[in-house]
Each structure stands twice: as C-alpha cells, then as structure tokens.
Amino acid sequence: MKHGRKAEAQKRIGEVLDVIRQTTLSDPVPLMHQAIHLTSPSIRIVSLRRAAKNVPIPSALDARQRARTGISWILKAAEKGRKGGASERTGRIAKEVLAVLDGSSAALARKDEVHRLGAVNRCVGQTVIVDYSSIVSFWPC
C-alpha cells in the first residue's frame, strides 16, 4: 500500500496469509517467503544510449531491490488474474502465490525472460582503456 496506509496493508496481507493457510493447511509465512524468493530476479535490464542507439545492459540488484521487484511482479500477475473471475484481491494474490510455488505463474515467466535477456546482452562490448594511446574493446563472453 502507498501513502502511509500501513495498517490497511497489514490487514490485507493477513487476509492473504489466511487464505493460503486454509488452502495448504500449513504455515503460510514460509510459503510466502519462498514465493517471493522464487520470483525475485538477480538482475535488471538498463537501457543505455551508445552510438545513437539504445543498448540493453544487465545490472545487478541488491537483496532489497530483488525482494521489491519479486513482490511487485506477483501483484501485477494477480491483477492480470482479475479477468479470470476471482473477485477479491486477497484471493487473487493468494492464488498467484500458490501458482508461483507450483511453477505456473506469469511472474516466474517474467523472471525467466529478464534473466534470458541479461544472458544474451552480457556480451555487449565494453571498452577498456589499457593506456591512453590505444583503446581496446573486450568481450566478456
């Protein structure tokens, strides 16, 4: 939740955890942590402008950024599930968390796509200055 609505956010997360507990009959907190960990990417793609064109470059994320990105991807995938008929937001989020744990979530597909793009674009030529008389281009692949 945004704009200082901490109590409302805690209430909603409690409802999501209750739905997960009723569905799985186990402790929902480790399941939620595992789902966030599974959807958290280790890189992001930054677009830099080089030689009159945009070049996608992978950039590492720290632990907090990874968790935030994973949570936001779960929430976005749950919002797309709105068309599937689930009316309550807490139910959609709980279904999405369980889908992540099953391996059938759109958030996992998005993580795989970002990692694939990062692997493809890690070979973007980086310029290294050995000495000022010559500039050497090296390819890390």
N, C-alpha and C. Protein backbone atom coordinates (compact mmCIF):
# COMPACT_ATOMS: atom_id res chain seq x y z
N MET A 1 0.83 -1.19 0.00
CA MET A 1 0.00 0.00 0.00
C MET A 1 0.88 1.25 0.00
N LYS A 2 0.37 2.29 -0.57
CA LYS A 2 1.12 3.53 -0.65
C LYS A 2 0.48 4.58 0.24
N HIS A 3 1.17 5.69 0.40
CA HIS A 3 0.66 6.87 1.09
C HIS A 3 0.37 6.61 2.56
N GLY A 4 1.22 5.84 3.24
CA GLY A 4 1.11 5.68 4.68
C GLY A 4 -0.01 4.79 5.16
N ARG A 5 -0.49 3.90 4.34
CA ARG A 5 -1.60 3.02 4.74
C ARG A 5 -1.05 1.69 5.26
N LYS A 6 -0.23 1.76 6.29
CA LYS A 6 0.43 0.57 6.81
C LYS A 6 -0.57 -0.39 7.45
N ALA A 7 -1.51 0.12 8.21
CA ALA A 7 -2.49 -0.73 8.88
C ALA A 7 -3.35 -1.48 7.87
N GLU A 8 -3.73 -0.79 6.81
CA GLU A 8 -4.53 -1.44 5.77
C GLU A 8 -3.72 -2.51 5.04
N ALA A 9 -2.44 -2.22 4.79
CA ALA A 9 -1.58 -3.21 4.14
C ALA A 9 -1.40 -4.44 5.02
N GLN A 10 -1.22 -4.23 6.32
CA GLN A 10 -1.08 -5.36 7.24
C GLN A 10 -2.35 -6.21 7.26
N LYS A 11 -3.48 -5.55 7.21
CA LYS A 11 -4.76 -6.27 7.21
C LYS A 11 -4.90 -7.12 5.95
N ARG A 12 -4.56 -6.55 4.80
CA ARG A 12 -4.67 -7.27 3.53
C ARG A 12 -3.72 -8.47 3.49
N ILE A 13 -2.48 -8.27 3.95
CA ILE A 13 -1.52 -9.37 3.95
C ILE A 13 -1.98 -10.47 4.91
N GLY A 14 -2.56 -10.07 6.04
CA GLY A 14 -3.12 -11.06 6.96
C GLY A 14 -4.22 -11.89 6.31
N GLU A 15 -5.07 -11.23 5.53
CA GLU A 15 -6.13 -11.95 4.82
C GLU A 15 -5.55 -12.91 3.77
N VAL A 16 -4.50 -12.46 3.07
CA VAL A 16 -3.85 -13.33 2.08
C VAL A 16 -3.25 -14.55 2.77
N LEU A 17 -2.59 -14.32 3.91
CA LEU A 17 -1.99 -15.44 4.64
C LEU A 17 -3.06 -16.40 5.16
N ASP A 18 -4.22 -15.87 5.56
CA ASP A 18 -5.32 -16.74 5.99
C ASP A 18 -5.82 -17.63 4.85
N VAL A 19 -5.95 -17.05 3.66
CA VAL A 19 -6.40 -17.84 2.51
C VAL A 19 -5.38 -18.93 2.18
N ILE A 20 -4.08 -18.58 2.25
CA ILE A 20 -3.04 -19.58 1.98
C ILE A 20 -3.07 -20.68 3.04
N ARG A 21 -3.27 -20.30 4.30
CA ARG A 21 -3.33 -21.29 5.39
C ARG A 21 -4.50 -22.25 5.19
N GLN A 22 -5.66 -21.71 4.80
CA GLN A 22 -6.84 -22.55 4.58
C GLN A 22 -6.66 -23.48 3.38
N THR A 23 -5.93 -23.01 2.38
CA THR A 23 -5.74 -23.81 1.17
C THR A 23 -4.71 -24.92 1.37
N THR A 24 -3.60 -24.58 2.02
CA THR A 24 -2.50 -25.55 2.12
C THR A 24 -2.46 -26.29 3.44
N LEU A 25 -3.18 -25.80 4.45
CA LEU A 25 -3.17 -26.39 5.79
C LEU A 25 -1.76 -26.45 6.39
N SER A 26 -0.95 -25.43 6.10
CA SER A 26 0.39 -25.33 6.67
C SER A 26 0.68 -23.86 6.95
N ASP A 27 1.83 -23.60 7.57
CA ASP A 27 2.21 -22.24 7.93
C ASP A 27 2.44 -21.42 6.66
N PRO A 28 1.72 -20.30 6.47
CA PRO A 28 1.81 -19.57 5.21
C PRO A 28 3.02 -18.65 5.09
N VAL A 29 3.63 -18.27 6.22
CA VAL A 29 4.73 -17.30 6.15
C VAL A 29 5.94 -17.87 5.39
N PRO A 30 6.39 -19.10 5.69
CA PRO A 30 7.49 -19.63 4.88
C PRO A 30 7.12 -19.81 3.41
N LEU A 31 5.87 -20.12 3.14
CA LEU A 31 5.44 -20.25 1.75
C LEU A 31 5.49 -18.91 1.03
N MET A 32 5.10 -17.85 1.73
CA MET A 32 5.16 -16.51 1.14
C MET A 32 6.61 -16.10 0.89
N HIS A 33 7.49 -16.37 1.85
CA HIS A 33 8.91 -16.06 1.67
C HIS A 33 9.49 -16.84 0.49
N GLN A 34 9.13 -18.09 0.37
CA GLN A 34 9.62 -18.91 -0.72
C GLN A 34 9.11 -18.39 -2.07
N ALA A 35 7.86 -17.98 -2.12
CA ALA A 35 7.31 -17.44 -3.37
C ALA A 35 8.01 -16.15 -3.77
N ILE A 36 8.28 -15.28 -2.79
CA ILE A 36 8.99 -14.04 -3.09
C ILE A 36 10.41 -14.35 -3.56
N HIS A 37 11.04 -15.31 -2.91
CA HIS A 37 12.41 -15.68 -3.30
C HIS A 37 12.44 -16.26 -4.71
N LEU A 38 11.45 -17.05 -5.06
CA LEU A 38 11.42 -17.67 -6.39
C LEU A 38 11.19 -16.65 -7.50
N THR A 39 10.46 -15.58 -7.22
CA THR A 39 10.17 -14.59 -8.26
C THR A 39 11.15 -13.43 -8.28
N SER A 40 12.07 -13.38 -7.33
CA SER A 40 12.99 -12.25 -7.24
C SER A 40 14.11 -12.40 -8.27
N PRO A 41 14.25 -11.43 -9.18
CA PRO A 41 15.33 -11.50 -10.17
C PRO A 41 16.65 -11.04 -9.55
N SER A 42 17.75 -11.49 -10.10
CA SER A 42 19.05 -11.04 -9.60
C SER A 42 19.60 -9.89 -10.43
N ILE A 43 19.00 -9.64 -11.59
CA ILE A 43 19.44 -8.54 -12.44
C ILE A 43 18.25 -7.75 -12.95
N ARG A 44 18.52 -6.59 -13.49
CA ARG A 44 17.54 -5.82 -14.24
C ARG A 44 18.21 -5.35 -15.52
N ILE A 45 17.42 -5.02 -16.49
CA ILE A 45 17.95 -4.57 -17.77
C ILE A 45 17.85 -3.05 -17.83
N VAL A 46 19.02 -2.41 -17.95
CA VAL A 46 19.10 -0.96 -18.04
C VAL A 46 19.41 -0.61 -19.49
N SER A 47 18.69 0.33 -20.03
CA SER A 47 18.89 0.73 -21.42
C SER A 47 19.78 1.97 -21.45
N LEU A 48 20.96 1.83 -22.04
CA LEU A 48 21.89 2.95 -22.19
C LEU A 48 21.99 3.34 -23.65
N ARG A 49 22.20 4.62 -23.88
CA ARG A 49 22.31 5.11 -25.24
C ARG A 49 23.79 5.16 -25.63
N ARG A 50 24.15 4.36 -26.63
CA ARG A 50 25.52 4.33 -27.13
C ARG A 50 25.49 4.40 -28.65
N ALA A 51 26.24 5.31 -29.18
CA ALA A 51 26.40 5.44 -30.63
C ALA A 51 25.06 5.52 -31.34
N ALA A 52 24.20 6.39 -30.87
CA ALA A 52 22.91 6.69 -31.48
C ALA A 52 21.92 5.53 -31.44
N LYS A 53 22.12 4.58 -30.55
CA LYS A 53 21.12 3.53 -30.38
C LYS A 53 21.10 3.09 -28.91
N ASN A 54 19.96 2.58 -28.50
CA ASN A 54 19.82 2.12 -27.12
C ASN A 54 20.35 0.69 -27.00
N VAL A 55 21.20 0.50 -25.99
CA VAL A 55 21.81 -0.81 -25.76
C VAL A 55 21.33 -1.33 -24.41
N PRO A 56 20.69 -2.50 -24.37
CA PRO A 56 20.28 -3.07 -23.09
C PRO A 56 21.47 -3.70 -22.37
N ILE A 57 21.67 -3.29 -21.11
CA ILE A 57 22.80 -3.79 -20.32
C ILE A 57 22.25 -4.35 -19.02
N PRO A 58 22.63 -5.57 -18.64
CA PRO A 58 22.18 -6.12 -17.36
C PRO A 58 22.89 -5.44 -16.19
N SER A 59 22.14 -5.19 -15.13
CA SER A 59 22.68 -4.56 -13.93
C SER A 59 22.23 -5.38 -12.72
N ALA A 60 23.13 -5.57 -11.77
CA ALA A 60 22.83 -6.40 -10.60
C ALA A 60 21.91 -5.65 -9.64
N LEU A 61 21.07 -6.41 -8.93
CA LEU A 61 20.18 -5.86 -7.92
C LEU A 61 20.64 -6.33 -6.54
N ASP A 62 20.48 -5.48 -5.53
CA ASP A 62 20.78 -5.94 -4.17
C ASP A 62 19.56 -6.68 -3.61
N ALA A 63 19.68 -7.19 -2.40
CA ALA A 63 18.64 -8.07 -1.84
C ALA A 63 17.30 -7.34 -1.70
N ARG A 64 17.34 -6.10 -1.26
CA ARG A 64 16.10 -5.35 -1.07
C ARG A 64 15.40 -5.07 -2.40
N GLN A 65 16.18 -4.71 -3.41
CA GLN A 65 15.61 -4.46 -4.74
C GLN A 65 15.04 -5.74 -5.34
N ARG A 66 15.73 -6.86 -5.12
CA ARG A 66 15.23 -8.14 -5.63
C ARG A 66 13.88 -8.47 -5.01
N ALA A 67 13.77 -8.32 -3.68
CA ALA A 67 12.51 -8.65 -3.00
C ALA A 67 11.39 -7.73 -3.47
N ARG A 68 11.68 -6.45 -3.59
CA ARG A 68 10.65 -5.50 -4.02
C ARG A 68 10.17 -5.82 -5.43
N THR A 69 11.10 -6.14 -6.32
CA THR A 69 10.72 -6.48 -7.68
C THR A 69 9.90 -7.76 -7.72
N GLY A 70 10.29 -8.76 -6.94
CA GLY A 70 9.53 -10.01 -6.90
C GLY A 70 8.11 -9.80 -6.40
N ILE A 71 7.96 -8.99 -5.34
CA ILE A 71 6.63 -8.71 -4.80
C ILE A 71 5.78 -7.97 -5.83
N SER A 72 6.37 -6.98 -6.49
CA SER A 72 5.58 -6.22 -7.47
C SER A 72 5.18 -7.09 -8.65
N TRP A 73 6.02 -8.03 -9.06
CA TRP A 73 5.66 -8.93 -10.15
C TRP A 73 4.53 -9.86 -9.74
N ILE A 74 4.54 -10.33 -8.49
CA ILE A 74 3.44 -11.17 -8.01
C ILE A 74 2.13 -10.38 -8.02
N LEU A 75 2.19 -9.13 -7.56
CA LEU A 75 0.98 -8.30 -7.53
C LEU A 75 0.47 -8.00 -8.93
N LYS A 76 1.37 -7.73 -9.87
CA LYS A 76 0.95 -7.46 -11.25
C LYS A 76 0.33 -8.70 -11.89
N ALA A 77 0.92 -9.85 -11.62
CA ALA A 77 0.35 -11.09 -12.16
C ALA A 77 -1.02 -11.37 -11.55
N ALA A 78 -1.20 -11.02 -10.27
CA ALA A 78 -2.50 -11.21 -9.63
C ALA A 78 -3.54 -10.26 -10.22
N GLU A 79 -3.14 -9.05 -10.58
CA GLU A 79 -4.07 -8.12 -11.20
C GLU A 79 -4.49 -8.60 -12.59
N LYS A 80 -3.59 -9.26 -13.29
CA LYS A 80 -3.97 -9.82 -14.59
C LYS A 80 -4.94 -10.97 -14.42
N GLY A 81 -4.91 -11.63 -13.26
CA GLY A 81 -5.84 -12.71 -12.98
C GLY A 81 -7.24 -12.23 -12.69
N ARG A 82 -7.41 -10.93 -12.65
CA ARG A 82 -8.72 -10.34 -12.39
C ARG A 82 -9.74 -10.75 -13.45
N LYS A 83 -9.25 -10.97 -14.66
CA LYS A 83 -10.14 -11.36 -15.75
C LYS A 83 -10.59 -12.80 -15.61
N GLY A 84 -9.90 -13.58 -14.77
CA GLY A 84 -10.23 -14.99 -14.63
C GLY A 84 -11.45 -15.26 -13.78
N GLY A 85 -11.98 -14.25 -13.11
CA GLY A 85 -13.20 -14.44 -12.35
C GLY A 85 -13.05 -14.28 -10.86
N ALA A 86 -11.83 -14.34 -10.33
CA ALA A 86 -11.66 -14.15 -8.89
C ALA A 86 -11.92 -12.69 -8.55
N SER A 87 -12.87 -12.45 -7.67
CA SER A 87 -13.30 -11.07 -7.44
C SER A 87 -12.48 -10.38 -6.36
N GLU A 88 -12.11 -11.06 -5.30
CA GLU A 88 -11.39 -10.41 -4.21
C GLU A 88 -9.91 -10.36 -4.52
N ARG A 89 -9.31 -9.24 -4.17
CA ARG A 89 -7.88 -9.07 -4.42
C ARG A 89 -7.06 -10.03 -3.57
N THR A 90 -7.47 -10.25 -2.32
CA THR A 90 -6.71 -11.16 -1.46
C THR A 90 -6.72 -12.58 -2.02
N GLY A 91 -7.84 -13.00 -2.56
CA GLY A 91 -7.92 -14.33 -3.16
C GLY A 91 -7.04 -14.45 -4.39
N ARG A 92 -7.00 -13.39 -5.21
CA ARG A 92 -6.16 -13.41 -6.40
C ARG A 92 -4.68 -13.47 -6.03
N ILE A 93 -4.29 -12.70 -5.01
CA ILE A 93 -2.89 -12.71 -4.59
C ILE A 93 -2.52 -14.08 -4.02
N ALA A 94 -3.40 -14.66 -3.22
CA ALA A 94 -3.13 -15.99 -2.66
C ALA A 94 -3.01 -17.03 -3.76
N LYS A 95 -3.89 -16.96 -4.77
CA LYS A 95 -3.81 -17.89 -5.90
C LYS A 95 -2.50 -17.71 -6.66
N GLU A 96 -2.07 -16.47 -6.79
CA GLU A 96 -0.82 -16.21 -7.50
C GLU A 96 0.38 -16.73 -6.72
N VAL A 97 0.37 -16.58 -5.40
CA VAL A 97 1.46 -17.11 -4.58
C VAL A 97 1.51 -18.63 -4.72
N LEU A 98 0.36 -19.28 -4.68
CA LEU A 98 0.32 -20.73 -4.84
C LEU A 98 0.74 -21.15 -6.26
N ALA A 99 0.41 -20.32 -7.25
CA ALA A 99 0.85 -20.61 -8.62
C ALA A 99 2.37 -20.49 -8.75
N VAL A 100 2.95 -19.53 -8.03
CA VAL A 100 4.41 -19.40 -8.03
C VAL A 100 5.04 -20.65 -7.43
N LEU A 101 4.47 -21.12 -6.34
CA LEU A 101 5.01 -22.32 -5.69
C LEU A 101 4.84 -23.56 -6.56
N ASP A 102 3.78 -23.59 -7.39
CA ASP A 102 3.58 -24.70 -8.33
C ASP A 102 4.45 -24.57 -9.57
N GLY A 103 4.92 -23.35 -9.86
CA GLY A 103 5.75 -23.13 -11.04
C GLY A 103 4.97 -22.73 -12.27
N SER A 104 3.73 -22.30 -12.10
CA SER A 104 2.90 -21.96 -13.26
C SER A 104 2.46 -20.51 -13.25
N SER A 105 3.29 -19.62 -12.75
CA SER A 105 2.91 -18.22 -12.62
C SER A 105 3.51 -17.37 -13.75
N ALA A 106 2.82 -16.28 -14.05
CA ALA A 106 3.34 -15.33 -15.03
C ALA A 106 4.54 -14.58 -14.48
N ALA A 107 4.63 -14.45 -13.15
CA ALA A 107 5.77 -13.78 -12.53
C ALA A 107 7.05 -14.58 -12.76
N LEU A 108 6.96 -15.90 -12.71
CA LEU A 108 8.14 -16.73 -12.98
C LEU A 108 8.56 -16.63 -14.44
N ALA A 109 7.58 -16.55 -15.33
CA ALA A 109 7.89 -16.39 -16.75
C ALA A 109 8.59 -15.06 -16.99
N ARG A 110 8.16 -14.03 -16.28
CA ARG A 110 8.80 -12.72 -16.43
C ARG A 110 10.23 -12.75 -15.92
N LYS A 111 10.46 -13.44 -14.79
CA LYS A 111 11.82 -13.56 -14.26
C LYS A 111 12.71 -14.30 -15.25
N ASP A 112 12.21 -15.39 -15.83
CA ASP A 112 12.99 -16.14 -16.82
C ASP A 112 13.31 -15.28 -18.03
N GLU A 113 12.36 -14.46 -18.45
CA GLU A 113 12.58 -13.57 -19.59
C GLU A 113 13.67 -12.54 -19.30
N VAL A 114 13.63 -11.94 -18.11
CA VAL A 114 14.65 -10.95 -17.74
C VAL A 114 16.02 -11.60 -17.66
N HIS A 115 16.10 -12.79 -17.08
CA HIS A 115 17.39 -13.47 -16.99
C HIS A 115 17.90 -13.91 -18.36
N ARG A 116 16.99 -14.29 -19.24
CA ARG A 116 17.40 -14.65 -20.59
C ARG A 116 17.94 -13.44 -21.34
N LEU A 117 17.25 -12.30 -21.21
CA LEU A 117 17.74 -11.07 -21.85
C LEU A 117 19.08 -10.64 -21.27
N GLY A 118 19.26 -10.83 -19.97
CA GLY A 118 20.53 -10.49 -19.35
C GLY A 118 21.66 -11.38 -19.85
N ALA A 119 21.38 -12.66 -20.03
CA ALA A 119 22.40 -13.58 -20.54
C ALA A 119 22.76 -13.26 -21.98
N VAL A 120 21.76 -12.88 -22.77
CA VAL A 120 22.02 -12.54 -24.17
C VAL A 120 22.82 -11.25 -24.26
N ASN A 121 22.52 -10.28 -23.41
CA ASN A 121 23.13 -8.96 -23.54
C ASN A 121 24.34 -8.75 -22.64
N ARG A 122 24.81 -9.78 -21.96
CA ARG A 122 26.01 -9.59 -21.16
C ARG A 122 27.24 -9.48 -22.04
N CYS A 123 27.10 -9.88 -23.30
CA CYS A 123 28.21 -9.85 -24.23
C CYS A 123 28.33 -8.52 -24.96
N VAL A 124 27.59 -7.52 -24.52
CA VAL A 124 27.70 -6.21 -25.15
C VAL A 124 29.12 -5.72 -24.92
N GLY A 125 29.78 -5.30 -25.99
CA GLY A 125 31.18 -4.90 -25.90
C GLY A 125 31.39 -3.78 -24.91
N GLN A 126 32.36 -3.96 -24.03
CA GLN A 126 32.71 -2.94 -23.05
C GLN A 126 34.09 -2.43 -23.41
N THR A 127 34.26 -1.13 -23.36
CA THR A 127 35.52 -0.53 -23.75
C THR A 127 36.41 -0.39 -22.53
N VAL A 128 37.64 -0.87 -22.64
CA VAL A 128 38.61 -0.79 -21.57
C VAL A 128 39.81 -0.03 -22.09
N ILE A 129 40.26 0.98 -21.34
CA ILE A 129 41.42 1.76 -21.74
C ILE A 129 42.65 1.13 -21.09
N VAL A 130 43.51 0.51 -21.91
CA VAL A 130 44.73 -0.10 -21.40
C VAL A 130 45.75 0.99 -21.14
N ASP A 131 46.03 1.79 -22.10
CA ASP A 131 46.79 3.02 -21.94
C ASP A 131 46.17 4.04 -22.87
N TYR A 132 46.54 5.26 -22.73
CA TYR A 132 45.85 6.30 -23.46
C TYR A 132 46.18 6.32 -24.95
N SER A 133 47.17 5.55 -25.36
CA SER A 133 47.50 5.53 -26.78
C SER A 133 46.63 4.55 -27.56
N SER A 134 46.07 3.55 -26.86
CA SER A 134 45.23 2.59 -27.57
C SER A 134 44.01 2.25 -26.72
N ILE A 135 42.90 2.10 -27.38
CA ILE A 135 41.67 1.70 -26.72
C ILE A 135 41.33 0.30 -27.21
N VAL A 136 41.15 -0.61 -26.28
CA VAL A 136 40.88 -2.00 -26.62
C VAL A 136 39.45 -2.31 -26.24
N SER A 137 38.75 -2.94 -27.14
CA SER A 137 37.40 -3.39 -26.86
C SER A 137 37.48 -4.85 -26.46
N PHE A 138 36.87 -5.21 -25.33
CA PHE A 138 36.93 -6.61 -24.91
C PHE A 138 35.53 -7.14 -24.75
N TRP A 139 35.40 -8.41 -25.03
CA TRP A 139 34.12 -9.10 -24.96
C TRP A 139 34.20 -10.10 -23.82
N PRO A 140 33.37 -9.97 -22.79
CA PRO A 140 33.49 -10.83 -21.62
C PRO A 140 33.01 -12.26 -21.84
N CYS A 141 32.48 -12.59 -23.00
CA CYS A 141 31.95 -13.95 -23.22
C CYS A 141 33.04 -14.89 -23.64
